[in-house]
N, C-alpha and C. Protein backbone atom coordinates (compact mmCIF):
# COMPACT_ATOMS: atom_id res chain seq x y z
N MET A 1 -12.99 58.88 109.12
CA MET A 1 -12.37 57.72 109.47
C MET A 1 -11.57 56.86 108.03
N SER A 2 -10.33 57.45 107.66
CA SER A 2 -9.83 57.27 105.95
C SER A 2 -10.40 55.55 106.28
N GLU A 3 -9.58 55.16 104.93
CA GLU A 3 -9.58 53.01 104.94
C GLU A 3 -8.00 53.39 105.67
N GLN A 4 -6.86 54.31 104.88
CA GLN A 4 -5.61 54.83 105.37
C GLN A 4 -6.34 54.61 107.59
N ASP A 5 -6.77 55.67 107.82
CA ASP A 5 -6.65 55.47 109.17
C ASP A 5 -7.33 54.30 109.87
N ALA A 6 -8.13 53.66 108.95
CA ALA A 6 -8.41 52.21 109.76
C ALA A 6 -6.52 51.67 109.54
N TRP A 7 -6.30 50.97 108.70
CA TRP A 7 -5.48 50.55 108.65
C TRP A 7 -4.35 50.79 109.52
N HIS A 8 -3.83 51.35 109.34
CA HIS A 8 -2.98 51.72 110.34
C HIS A 8 -2.90 51.27 111.32
N HIS A 9 -4.72 52.09 112.20
CA HIS A 9 -5.33 51.38 113.51
C HIS A 9 -5.18 49.99 114.11
N ARG A 10 -4.90 49.20 112.91
CA ARG A 10 -4.83 47.95 113.08
C ARG A 10 -4.00 47.78 113.34
N MET A 11 -3.03 48.36 112.15
CA MET A 11 -0.82 47.20 112.81
C MET A 11 -0.98 47.73 113.59
N LYS A 12 -1.47 48.75 114.37
CA LYS A 12 -0.39 49.72 116.19
C LYS A 12 -1.17 48.39 116.94
N ALA A 13 -2.33 48.04 116.59
CA ALA A 13 -3.33 47.31 117.96
C ALA A 13 -2.63 46.24 117.44
N ALA A 14 -2.63 45.74 116.53
CA ALA A 14 -1.47 44.43 116.46
C ALA A 14 -0.22 44.78 117.28
N GLN A 15 0.87 45.82 116.82
CA GLN A 15 1.60 45.44 117.48
C GLN A 15 1.68 45.40 118.79
N ARG A 16 0.73 46.33 119.39
CA ARG A 16 0.98 46.19 120.72
C ARG A 16 0.62 45.28 121.67
N ASP A 17 -0.68 44.47 120.64
CA ASP A 17 -0.58 43.48 120.88
C ASP A 17 1.15 42.21 121.10
N LEU A 18 1.21 42.35 120.17
CA LEU A 18 2.42 41.78 119.91
C LEU A 18 3.33 41.81 121.05
N ILE A 19 3.70 43.01 121.35
CA ILE A 19 4.24 43.64 121.87
C ILE A 19 4.52 42.98 123.69
N ALA A 20 3.37 42.95 123.51
CA ALA A 20 2.69 42.77 125.01
C ALA A 20 2.80 41.25 125.18
N ARG A 21 2.28 39.81 124.13
CA ARG A 21 2.72 38.45 124.26
C ARG A 21 4.09 38.07 124.62
N CYS A 22 4.36 39.20 124.33
CA CYS A 22 6.59 38.83 123.41
C CYS A 22 7.18 39.92 125.03
N GLY A 23 6.22 40.14 125.31
CA GLY A 23 6.70 40.19 128.00
C GLY A 23 6.96 41.79 128.24
N GLY A 24 6.17 42.46 127.10
CA GLY A 24 6.54 43.88 127.43
C GLY A 24 7.34 44.79 126.23
N ILE A 25 8.32 46.35 126.07
CA ILE A 25 8.58 46.85 125.46
C ILE A 25 10.28 46.24 126.12
N ALA A 26 10.54 46.53 127.01
CA ALA A 26 12.29 46.11 127.93
C ALA A 26 12.60 44.90 126.05
N ARG A 27 11.48 43.68 127.49
CA ARG A 27 12.05 42.30 126.07
C ARG A 27 12.58 41.83 124.59
N SER A 28 11.01 42.58 124.35
CA SER A 28 10.65 43.15 122.61
C SER A 28 11.24 43.70 122.25
N ALA A 29 12.27 44.54 123.05
CA ALA A 29 13.04 45.43 122.25
C ALA A 29 14.76 44.25 121.99
N ASP A 30 14.81 43.45 123.37
CA ASP A 30 15.85 42.54 123.04
C ASP A 30 15.45 42.08 121.97
N VAL A 31 14.64 40.78 122.03
CA VAL A 31 14.13 40.24 121.36
C VAL A 31 14.03 40.42 119.43
N GLY A 32 13.39 41.46 119.21
CA GLY A 32 13.63 42.14 117.81
C GLY A 32 14.79 42.69 117.59
N GLU A 33 15.81 43.34 118.29
CA GLU A 33 17.21 43.89 118.16
C GLU A 33 17.06 45.09 117.91
N VAL A 34 15.89 45.75 118.43
CA VAL A 34 16.17 47.00 118.61
C VAL A 34 15.97 47.71 119.58
N SER A 35 16.07 49.58 119.30
CA SER A 35 16.15 49.87 120.88
C SER A 35 15.18 50.37 121.53
N ILE A 36 14.72 50.27 122.23
CA ILE A 36 13.45 50.00 123.51
C ILE A 36 13.03 51.04 123.38
N ALA A 37 13.72 52.86 123.29
CA ALA A 37 13.25 53.76 122.74
C ALA A 37 12.11 53.71 121.09
N GLN A 38 13.41 52.74 120.31
CA GLN A 38 12.00 52.19 119.34
C GLN A 38 11.13 51.52 119.49
N MET A 39 11.03 50.67 119.92
CA MET A 39 10.28 49.49 120.95
C MET A 39 8.88 50.37 121.41
N GLY A 40 9.05 51.53 121.88
CA GLY A 40 8.31 52.47 122.59
C GLY A 40 7.59 52.72 121.77
N ARG A 41 7.95 53.83 120.81
CA ARG A 41 7.31 54.64 119.38
C ARG A 41 6.56 53.01 119.21
N LEU A 42 7.38 51.96 118.82
CA LEU A 42 5.89 50.88 117.98
C LEU A 42 4.78 50.56 118.74
N ASN A 43 5.40 50.80 119.38
CA ASN A 43 4.40 50.59 120.86
C ASN A 43 2.38 51.54 121.38
N ASN A 44 3.72 53.03 120.83
CA ASN A 44 2.44 54.10 121.23
C ASN A 44 1.76 54.31 119.52
N PRO A 45 0.67 53.64 120.38
CA PRO A 45 -0.53 54.39 118.95
C PRO A 45 -0.58 56.27 118.38
N ASN A 46 0.56 56.72 118.81
CA ASN A 46 -0.06 57.76 118.61
C ASN A 46 1.73 58.54 117.99
N GLU A 47 2.63 57.50 117.98
CA GLU A 47 4.23 57.13 117.14
C GLU A 47 2.83 56.83 115.60
N PRO A 48 3.28 57.41 114.65
CA PRO A 48 3.56 56.31 112.82
C PRO A 48 4.11 55.68 112.58
N ASP A 49 5.61 55.13 113.03
CA ASP A 49 5.82 54.24 113.28
C ASP A 49 5.41 52.42 113.00
N ILE A 50 5.81 51.29 112.39
CA ILE A 50 5.33 50.40 111.69
C ILE A 50 6.18 49.29 112.32
N MET A 51 6.69 47.49 111.66
CA MET A 51 7.18 46.98 112.32
C MET A 51 8.46 47.51 111.02
N SER A 52 9.51 47.10 110.97
CA SER A 52 9.97 45.77 109.66
C SER A 52 10.10 44.50 109.56
N ALA A 53 10.11 43.92 108.87
CA ALA A 53 9.66 42.81 108.69
C ALA A 53 10.53 41.63 109.60
N ARG A 54 11.40 42.45 109.37
CA ARG A 54 13.18 41.57 110.48
C ARG A 54 12.43 42.04 112.00
N VAL A 55 12.09 42.79 112.47
CA VAL A 55 11.83 43.24 113.52
C VAL A 55 10.39 42.24 113.83
N LYS A 56 9.05 42.26 112.83
CA LYS A 56 7.82 41.10 112.96
C LYS A 56 7.76 39.67 112.98
N ALA A 57 9.40 39.43 112.38
CA ALA A 57 9.18 37.89 112.28
C ALA A 57 9.44 37.68 113.62
N ARG A 58 10.94 38.65 113.58
CA ARG A 58 11.59 37.78 115.30
C ARG A 58 10.09 37.53 116.97
N LEU A 59 9.87 38.49 116.68
CA LEU A 59 8.78 38.85 117.84
C LEU A 59 7.72 38.19 117.72
N GLU A 60 6.92 37.37 116.35
CA GLU A 60 6.30 36.51 116.55
C GLU A 60 6.87 35.49 116.56
N ALA A 61 8.17 34.75 115.98
CA ALA A 61 8.53 33.51 116.19
C ALA A 61 8.84 33.88 117.83
N ASP A 62 8.85 34.44 118.21
CA ASP A 62 9.38 34.46 120.18
C ASP A 62 7.43 34.56 120.79
N ALA A 63 6.95 34.30 119.96
CA ALA A 63 5.85 34.31 120.00
C ALA A 63 5.03 33.27 120.64
N GLY A 64 4.62 33.34 119.30
CA GLY A 64 4.72 31.62 118.53
C GLY A 64 3.01 31.81 118.30
N PHE A 65 3.00 32.71 117.60
CA PHE A 65 1.47 33.49 116.96
C PHE A 65 1.85 34.94 115.84
N PRO A 66 1.27 34.64 114.25
CA PRO A 66 2.00 35.43 113.81
C PRO A 66 1.32 36.31 114.12
N VAL A 67 0.57 37.45 115.02
CA VAL A 67 -0.56 38.80 115.34
C VAL A 67 -0.49 40.18 114.28
N VAL A 68 0.85 40.37 113.67
CA VAL A 68 0.60 41.37 113.23
C VAL A 68 0.60 40.65 111.66
N THR A 69 0.49 39.59 110.96
CA THR A 69 0.79 38.81 110.02
C THR A 69 -0.69 39.13 110.06
N LYS A 70 -1.17 37.91 110.22
CA LYS A 70 -2.70 37.44 110.32
C LYS A 70 -2.94 39.25 109.94
N VAL A 71 -2.85 40.06 111.06
CA VAL A 71 -3.68 41.26 111.08
C VAL A 71 -3.49 42.10 109.75
N GLU A 72 -2.11 41.74 109.13
CA GLU A 72 -2.07 42.06 106.86
C GLU A 72 -2.89 41.40 106.44
N LEU A 73 -2.44 40.16 106.28
CA LEU A 73 -2.98 39.62 105.59
C LEU A 73 -5.21 39.66 105.44
N GLU A 74 -5.55 40.01 106.91
CA GLU A 74 -6.67 40.55 106.84
C GLU A 74 -7.05 41.64 106.35
N ALA A 75 -6.52 42.05 106.27
CA ALA A 75 -6.80 43.37 106.10
C ALA A 75 -6.62 43.47 104.09
N GLN A 76 -5.94 42.59 103.64
CA GLN A 76 -5.87 42.62 102.40
C GLN A 76 -7.38 41.51 101.47
N GLY A 77 -8.34 41.46 102.46
CA GLY A 77 -9.18 39.72 101.97
C GLY A 77 -8.63 38.48 101.98
N TRP A 78 -6.80 38.12 102.77
CA TRP A 78 -6.79 37.37 102.63
C TRP A 78 -7.09 36.52 104.80
N GLN A 79 -6.92 35.77 104.52
CA GLN A 79 -7.21 34.79 106.57
C GLN A 79 -6.10 33.82 106.06
N ALA A 80 -5.87 34.00 107.45
CA ALA A 80 -4.38 32.75 107.36
C ALA A 80 -4.95 31.66 108.32
N SER A 81 -4.58 30.58 108.40
CA SER A 81 -5.43 29.68 108.65
C SER A 81 -3.41 28.41 108.88
N GLN A 82 -3.71 28.23 110.44
CA GLN A 82 -2.30 27.38 110.72
C GLN A 82 -2.44 25.79 109.86
N ILE A 83 -1.63 25.12 109.21
CA ILE A 83 -1.75 23.60 108.64
C ILE A 83 -0.90 22.94 109.41
N GLU A 84 -1.26 21.67 110.07
CA GLU A 84 -1.06 20.92 110.44
C GLU A 84 0.70 20.53 109.70
N VAL A 85 1.60 20.51 110.66
CA VAL A 85 3.26 19.86 110.17
C VAL A 85 3.00 18.25 110.18
N VAL A 86 3.11 17.07 109.74
CA VAL A 86 3.74 16.49 109.83
C VAL A 86 4.83 15.56 109.69
N SER A 87 5.62 15.70 109.99
CA SER A 87 6.66 14.92 109.30
C SER A 87 6.82 13.21 109.41
N PRO A 88 6.95 12.66 108.04
CA PRO A 88 6.69 11.23 108.48
C PRO A 88 8.72 10.35 109.82
N ALA A 89 8.68 9.76 110.03
CA ALA A 89 9.64 9.45 110.68
C ALA A 89 10.83 9.11 109.43
N PRO A 90 12.31 10.05 109.16
CA PRO A 90 13.29 9.19 108.75
C PRO A 90 13.66 8.89 108.26
N ASP A 91 14.13 8.72 107.31
CA ASP A 91 14.25 7.11 105.91
C ASP A 91 14.86 6.89 105.48
N LEU A 92 15.96 6.13 105.61
CA LEU A 92 17.13 6.71 104.73
C LEU A 92 17.44 5.50 103.48
N HIS A 93 16.43 4.69 104.03
CA HIS A 93 16.42 3.50 102.05
C HIS A 93 15.40 4.39 101.58
N VAL A 94 14.61 5.10 101.55
CA VAL A 94 13.58 6.10 100.81
C VAL A 94 15.23 7.19 100.44
N SER A 95 15.61 7.80 100.75
CA SER A 95 16.73 8.95 100.95
C SER A 95 18.24 8.33 100.23
N THR A 96 18.13 7.39 100.41
CA THR A 96 19.98 6.65 99.92
C THR A 96 18.35 6.75 98.35
N ALA A 97 17.85 5.78 97.76
CA ALA A 97 17.30 5.89 96.55
C ALA A 97 16.80 6.87 95.98
N ARG A 98 16.35 8.11 96.10
CA ARG A 98 16.97 9.32 96.19
C ARG A 98 18.30 10.15 95.36
N VAL A 99 18.66 10.02 96.52
CA VAL A 99 20.09 10.48 96.04
C VAL A 99 20.34 9.40 94.93
N VAL A 100 20.66 8.21 94.34
CA VAL A 100 21.24 8.12 93.19
C VAL A 100 20.50 8.25 92.20
N ALA A 101 18.50 8.15 92.50
CA ALA A 101 18.05 8.31 91.46
C ALA A 101 18.50 10.10 90.90
N GLU A 102 18.58 11.42 91.72
CA GLU A 102 18.86 12.17 90.45
C GLU A 102 20.92 11.81 90.72
N ALA A 103 20.92 11.90 91.18
CA ALA A 103 22.42 11.26 90.73
C ALA A 103 22.63 10.50 88.49
N SER A 104 21.39 9.63 88.75
CA SER A 104 21.13 8.84 87.49
C SER A 104 20.40 10.58 86.55
N ASP A 105 19.52 10.92 86.50
CA ASP A 105 19.05 11.73 86.30
C ASP A 105 19.89 13.11 85.52
N ILE A 106 20.94 13.78 86.75
CA ILE A 106 22.36 14.33 85.41
C ILE A 106 22.95 13.54 84.86
N MET A 107 23.38 12.20 84.67
CA MET A 107 23.72 11.83 83.69
C MET A 107 23.32 12.07 82.96
N ARG A 108 21.75 11.25 83.01
CA ARG A 108 20.88 11.53 81.81
C ARG A 108 20.90 13.25 81.00
N VAL A 109 20.86 13.66 81.67
CA VAL A 109 21.09 15.28 81.45
C VAL A 109 21.86 16.19 80.84
N TYR A 110 22.95 15.59 81.57
CA TYR A 110 24.75 15.16 80.66
C TYR A 110 24.69 14.99 79.76
N ALA A 111 24.55 13.54 79.57
CA ALA A 111 24.08 13.13 78.17
C ALA A 111 23.88 13.70 77.04
N GLN A 112 22.94 14.27 77.90
CA GLN A 112 21.53 14.67 76.07
C GLN A 112 22.04 15.47 75.83
N ALA A 113 22.88 16.43 77.13
CA ALA A 113 23.83 17.95 76.30
C ALA A 113 24.99 18.14 75.97
N THR A 114 25.49 17.01 75.99
CA THR A 114 26.42 16.65 75.17
C THR A 114 27.02 15.17 73.83
N VAL A 115 26.14 15.41 73.90
CA VAL A 115 25.34 14.57 72.24
C VAL A 115 26.33 15.19 71.49
N ASP A 116 25.86 16.44 71.29
CA ASP A 116 26.49 17.46 69.89
C ASP A 116 28.42 17.69 69.99
N GLY A 117 28.58 17.67 71.44
CA GLY A 117 29.97 18.29 71.53
C GLY A 117 29.83 19.26 72.88
N LYS A 118 29.20 19.63 72.17
CA LYS A 118 29.27 21.23 73.27
C LYS A 118 27.96 21.74 74.69
N LEU A 119 28.55 22.01 75.16
CA LEU A 119 27.39 22.57 76.41
C LEU A 119 26.91 24.00 75.90
N THR A 120 25.80 24.50 75.76
CA THR A 120 24.98 25.41 75.75
C THR A 120 24.56 26.42 76.89
N PRO A 121 24.66 27.57 77.03
CA PRO A 121 24.20 28.70 78.23
C PRO A 121 22.94 27.88 79.11
N ALA A 122 21.98 27.30 77.92
CA ALA A 122 20.55 26.27 78.32
C ALA A 122 20.54 24.60 79.27
N GLU A 123 21.70 24.26 78.22
CA GLU A 123 21.91 22.85 78.61
C GLU A 123 22.35 23.09 80.20
N ILE A 124 23.22 24.57 80.30
CA ILE A 124 24.50 24.25 81.69
C ILE A 124 23.64 24.43 82.70
N ARG A 125 22.76 25.69 82.62
CA ARG A 125 22.28 26.10 83.34
C ARG A 125 20.43 24.21 83.71
N GLY A 126 20.08 23.65 83.19
CA GLY A 126 19.37 22.15 83.06
C GLY A 126 20.25 21.57 83.92
N LEU A 127 21.97 21.25 83.78
CA LEU A 127 22.51 20.84 84.84
C LEU A 127 22.53 21.33 85.79
N GLN A 128 22.35 22.56 85.61
CA GLN A 128 22.39 23.59 87.67
C GLN A 128 21.41 22.94 89.02
N ARG A 129 20.31 22.76 88.20
CA ARG A 129 19.01 22.46 88.33
C ARG A 129 19.27 21.73 88.97
N GLU A 130 19.52 20.22 87.85
CA GLU A 130 19.63 19.47 88.31
C GLU A 130 20.44 19.58 89.78
N PHE A 131 22.05 19.76 89.23
CA PHE A 131 23.07 19.73 90.65
C PHE A 131 21.81 19.84 92.03
N ALA A 132 21.27 21.24 91.63
CA ALA A 132 20.58 21.90 92.71
C ALA A 132 19.46 20.91 93.52
N GLU A 133 19.03 20.17 92.48
CA GLU A 133 17.94 19.24 93.61
C GLU A 133 19.47 17.61 94.16
N LEU A 134 20.26 17.44 93.81
CA LEU A 134 20.82 16.81 94.23
C LEU A 134 21.24 16.83 95.73
N ALA A 135 21.64 18.24 95.60
CA ALA A 135 22.02 18.70 96.56
C ALA A 135 20.88 18.85 97.89
N ARG A 136 19.90 19.26 96.74
CA ARG A 136 18.35 18.99 97.78
C ARG A 136 18.25 17.37 99.17
N VAL A 137 18.60 16.58 97.77
CA VAL A 137 18.30 15.47 98.73
C VAL A 137 19.11 14.51 99.44
N LEU A 138 20.34 15.07 98.71
CA LEU A 138 21.87 14.79 99.85
C LEU A 138 21.67 15.28 101.47
N GLU A 139 20.89 16.48 101.07
CA GLU A 139 20.68 17.24 102.68
C GLU A 139 20.26 15.82 103.63
N ASP A 140 18.59 15.65 102.18
CA ASP A 140 17.88 15.72 102.97
C ASP A 140 17.82 13.79 103.31
N ALA A 141 18.77 12.89 103.14
CA ALA A 141 19.69 11.19 102.84
C ALA A 141 20.54 12.07 104.23
N ARG A 142 21.35 12.77 104.56
CA ARG A 142 21.99 13.13 105.40
C ARG A 142 21.62 13.67 107.19
N LEU A 143 20.31 14.30 107.47
CA LEU A 143 19.45 14.06 108.13
C LEU A 143 18.74 13.17 109.14
N ALA A 144 17.97 12.73 107.55
CA ALA A 144 17.47 11.09 107.45
C ALA A 144 18.59 9.84 108.12
N GLY A 145 20.22 9.81 108.16
CA GLY A 145 21.16 9.11 108.58
C GLY A 145 21.11 9.77 110.17
N ALA A 146 21.81 10.73 110.14
CA ALA A 146 21.86 11.21 112.18
C ALA A 146 19.74 11.37 112.36
N ALA A 147 18.84 12.18 112.13
CA ALA A 147 17.96 11.64 112.61
C ALA A 147 17.75 9.81 113.43
N LEU A 148 18.20 9.07 112.93
CA LEU A 148 18.46 7.38 113.06
C LEU A 148 19.37 7.40 113.98
N LEU A 149 20.77 8.42 113.42
CA LEU A 149 20.96 7.97 114.84
C LEU A 149 21.42 8.44 116.21
N ALA A 150 20.13 9.58 116.25
CA ALA A 150 19.62 10.07 117.74
C ALA A 150 18.82 9.39 118.09
N LEU A 151 17.94 8.71 117.43
CA LEU A 151 16.70 8.43 118.25
C LEU A 151 16.85 7.08 118.92
N ALA A 152 17.70 6.42 117.40
CA ALA A 152 18.31 4.46 118.11
C ALA A 152 19.46 3.95 117.85
N GLY A 153 20.18 5.33 117.72
CA GLY A 153 21.77 4.29 117.52
C GLY A 153 21.85 3.54 116.41
N GLY A 154 20.63 3.37 115.53
CA GLY A 154 21.36 2.89 114.47
C GLY A 154 19.86 2.08 113.31
N LEU A 155 20.45 2.02 112.46
CA LEU A 155 19.58 1.40 111.48
C LEU A 155 19.92 -0.05 111.96
N LYS A 156 18.10 -1.05 112.61
CA LYS A 156 18.31 -2.47 112.79
C LYS A 156 17.44 -3.45 111.65
N HIS A 157 18.07 -4.03 110.97
CA HIS A 157 16.97 -5.13 110.97
C HIS A 157 16.88 -6.38 111.78
N ASP A 158 15.61 -6.99 111.72
CA ASP A 158 15.17 -8.27 112.54
C ASP A 158 15.97 -9.13 112.31
């Protein structure tokens, strides 16, 4: 058996396992947004079809485990492991301070860029990066405020 054949059989076995975890061919076809016939080919060890990234992502999200992705990584000598995601409670004070700091950074970059009265493409790209970062911290602050409203009806000081 060639290395290619071994890889193919490992992928097909992982696909079958994933399809089974998602409730079988018909349900997997619905989740993966492909036809039942296509999902059947993906499930059949004698067919050459391999899942697209889109179908694999949808099914693995539904299954709650990266069945096929794990096998793909292992076939290339990598190992997948789950990391614990710990998200701290949103802090509106910290988020607001980050917004102000980022706005200050924009003003600093802008002042440095316009000191000679011209804006070069490189300087504009630098401003664009700062604007993108401001948008990110603004979104974080907006979400922190929304989380406070949802959790406690607002921020209360004792």
